[in-house]
Amino acid sequence: MSDPLAKALALLPHGPEFRFVDRLLTLDPGHAGTGEHIVRANDPFLRGHFPGHPIFPGVLLVEAAAQLAGTVAQSDPTIPAMSGLKLTAIRNVKILGTARPGEVITLSAKISGRFANLVQATVSAVANGQMILQGEVTLSGEPHPH
C-alpha cells in the first residue's frame, strides 16, 4: 500500500460495518487531517432513524470525527501507534445539523494535545456547506512500553 493516505486510514481498528471515514482528503501526519464519509441509503440504522425521513445520527457524527482524529494521531511518524485506541471523552460538542442519504460529510480533526496515552483533538463536520458538528474529543490507548 504505497498511498500514504490509504495507509493512514488502514490504521483504523474498526471493521467496514462501523467505519465512518471512507477516505482521507488531506493529512498532516500527527497534526491534522480531513476526510469524508458518504451517507448511504442502505445503511441499516437509517431505516429506524427515522422511518420515511432518514438522517445520519448525531452520535455517529461524533464517532466519525473521533475515527478521523484517531487516524491523524496514529499517523505521527515520531510516535509509535497505540493499541486499543478508543473514544474516551467528548467536550463542548455541538450537533448543529445533520446529513441525509447521498450527502457527503466532510470531517476535520486537529490534534490539540497529547499526554501519555491520551490524545485530544478539535473536530468538526460539514455537510452541504453547513457546519453540522463541532467540539473536542479525547482518545485513549494502551500506554507505550518504556
Protein backbone atom coordinates (compact mmCIF):
# COMPACT_ATOMS: atom_id res chain seq x y z
CA MET A 1 0.00 0.00 0.00
CA SER A 2 2.03 2.96 -1.27
CA ASP A 3 -0.62 5.70 -0.96
CA PRO A 4 0.14 7.41 2.41
CA LEU A 5 -3.49 8.48 2.86
CA ALA A 6 -4.81 4.94 2.35
CA LYS A 7 -2.04 3.60 4.61
CA ALA A 8 -3.03 6.02 7.39
CA LEU A 9 -6.71 5.13 7.02
CA ALA A 10 -5.80 1.44 7.33
CA LEU A 11 -4.71 2.18 10.92
CA LEU A 12 -8.38 2.41 11.95
CA PRO A 13 -9.21 -0.68 14.03
CA HIS A 14 -12.88 -0.62 13.02
CA GLY A 15 -14.40 -3.15 10.68
CA PRO A 16 -16.07 -1.94 7.48
CA GLU A 17 -19.53 -2.08 9.10
CA PHE A 18 -18.50 0.56 11.64
CA ARG A 19 -16.11 2.73 9.67
CA PHE A 20 -17.28 6.30 9.13
CA VAL A 21 -14.24 7.70 7.33
CA ASP A 22 -14.42 6.49 3.74
CA ARG A 23 -11.33 8.32 2.55
CA LEU A 24 -8.78 10.87 3.65
CA LEU A 25 -8.58 14.10 1.70
CA THR A 26 -5.60 15.66 3.48
CA LEU A 27 -3.19 14.52 6.16
CA ASP A 28 -0.50 16.35 8.11
CA PRO A 29 0.68 13.23 9.98
CA GLY A 30 0.17 13.52 13.71
CA HIS A 31 -1.23 17.04 13.46
CA ALA A 32 -4.36 17.47 11.30
CA GLY A 33 -6.43 15.93 8.57
CA THR A 34 -9.66 15.98 6.63
CA GLY A 35 -11.73 13.09 5.43
CA GLU A 36 -15.15 12.27 4.16
CA HIS A 37 -17.99 9.87 4.71
CA ILE A 38 -20.83 9.31 2.26
CA VAL A 39 -24.19 8.65 3.89
CA ARG A 40 -25.55 5.56 2.16
CA ALA A 41 -29.29 4.98 1.82
CA ASN A 42 -28.80 1.27 2.57
CA ASP A 43 -27.11 1.83 5.97
CA PRO A 44 -29.27 -0.37 8.23
CA PHE A 45 -29.50 2.18 11.06
CA LEU A 46 -31.19 4.70 8.74
CA ARG A 47 -34.31 2.52 8.47
CA GLY A 48 -35.13 3.37 12.08
CA HIS A 49 -33.57 6.85 12.23
CA PHE A 50 -36.18 7.97 11.16
CA PRO A 51 -38.67 5.96 9.06
CA GLY A 52 -39.57 7.98 5.98
CA HIS A 53 -37.17 10.78 6.98
CA PRO A 54 -33.70 9.22 7.40
CA ILE A 55 -30.90 11.32 8.90
CA PHE A 56 -27.38 10.39 9.92
CA PRO A 57 -27.38 10.02 13.72
CA GLY A 58 -25.57 12.69 15.73
CA VAL A 59 -23.82 10.09 17.85
CA LEU A 60 -22.32 8.64 14.65
CA LEU A 61 -21.14 12.12 13.63
CA VAL A 62 -19.16 12.17 16.88
CA GLU A 63 -17.85 8.67 16.13
CA ALA A 64 -16.81 9.67 12.59
CA ALA A 65 -14.93 12.69 13.93
CA ALA A 66 -13.24 10.53 16.57
CA GLN A 67 -12.22 7.99 13.92
CA LEU A 68 -10.60 10.75 11.88
CA ALA A 69 -8.84 12.12 14.98
CA GLY A 70 -7.52 8.63 15.71
CA THR A 71 -6.27 8.24 12.16
CA VAL A 72 -4.44 11.57 12.38
CA ALA A 73 -2.95 10.74 15.79
CA GLN A 74 -1.83 7.23 14.78
CA SER A 75 -0.14 8.54 11.61
CA ASP A 76 2.52 10.52 13.51
CA PRO A 77 5.84 9.08 12.32
CA THR A 78 7.62 10.21 15.52
CA ILE A 79 5.27 8.42 17.96
CA PRO A 80 4.52 4.69 17.88
CA ALA A 81 0.87 3.89 17.18
CA MET A 82 -1.09 2.97 20.30
CA SER A 83 -3.03 -0.26 20.50
CA GLY A 84 -6.63 -0.21 21.62
CA LEU A 85 -7.17 3.45 20.72
CA LYS A 86 -10.75 4.42 21.54
CA LEU A 87 -13.01 7.37 22.22
CA THR A 88 -12.76 8.29 25.90
CA ALA A 89 -14.38 11.71 26.30
CA ILE A 90 -16.26 14.38 24.40
CA ARG A 91 -16.30 18.06 25.34
CA ASN A 92 -18.20 21.06 24.08
CA VAL A 93 -19.68 19.01 21.27
CA LYS A 94 -22.49 20.70 19.44
CA ILE A 95 -24.56 18.91 16.83
CA LEU A 96 -25.74 21.75 14.64
CA GLY A 97 -27.34 19.82 11.79
CA THR A 98 -27.34 16.50 10.04
CA ALA A 99 -26.79 14.75 6.74
CA ARG A 100 -29.18 12.67 4.67
CA PRO A 101 -28.64 9.68 2.39
CA GLY A 102 -26.48 10.56 -0.61
CA GLU A 103 -24.82 13.50 1.10
CA VAL A 104 -21.11 13.76 1.83
CA ILE A 105 -19.92 14.61 5.32
CA THR A 106 -16.54 16.37 5.33
CA LEU A 107 -14.72 15.78 8.61
CA SER A 108 -11.81 17.74 10.08
CA ALA A 109 -9.58 16.90 13.04
CA LYS A 110 -6.66 18.77 14.57
CA ILE A 111 -4.62 17.25 17.37
CA SER A 112 -4.58 19.83 20.16
CA GLY A 113 -2.72 17.90 22.84
CA ARG A 114 -1.10 14.66 23.94
CA PHE A 115 -0.29 13.35 27.39
CA ALA A 116 1.00 9.81 27.89
CA ASN A 117 -1.67 7.57 26.32
CA LEU A 118 -4.24 10.36 25.79
CA VAL A 119 -4.85 12.36 22.62
CA GLN A 120 -7.08 15.42 22.46
CA ALA A 121 -8.41 16.77 19.17
CA THR A 122 -10.63 19.58 17.94
CA VAL A 123 -13.11 18.19 15.43
CA SER A 124 -15.80 19.38 13.04
CA ALA A 125 -18.10 18.09 10.33
CA VAL A 126 -19.70 19.88 7.38
CA ALA A 127 -22.47 18.73 5.02
CA ASN A 128 -23.95 20.76 2.18
CA GLY A 129 -21.75 23.71 3.12
CA GLN A 130 -23.20 23.83 6.65
CA MET A 131 -21.33 23.10 9.88
CA ILE A 132 -23.15 20.15 11.44
CA LEU A 133 -20.77 19.26 14.28
CA GLN A 134 -18.02 20.92 16.27
CA GLY A 135 -16.28 20.07 19.50
CA GLU A 136 -13.41 18.24 21.16
CA VAL A 137 -12.74 14.54 21.61
CA THR A 138 -10.26 12.68 23.76
CA LEU A 139 -8.93 9.30 22.71
CA SER A 140 -7.00 6.84 24.86
CA GLY A 141 -4.91 3.83 24.04
CA GLU A 142 -2.68 1.33 25.72
CA PRO A 143 0.38 3.07 27.19
CA HIS A 144 3.60 2.64 25.25
CA PRO A 145 6.11 0.36 26.94
CA HIS A 146 9.16 2.34 28.03
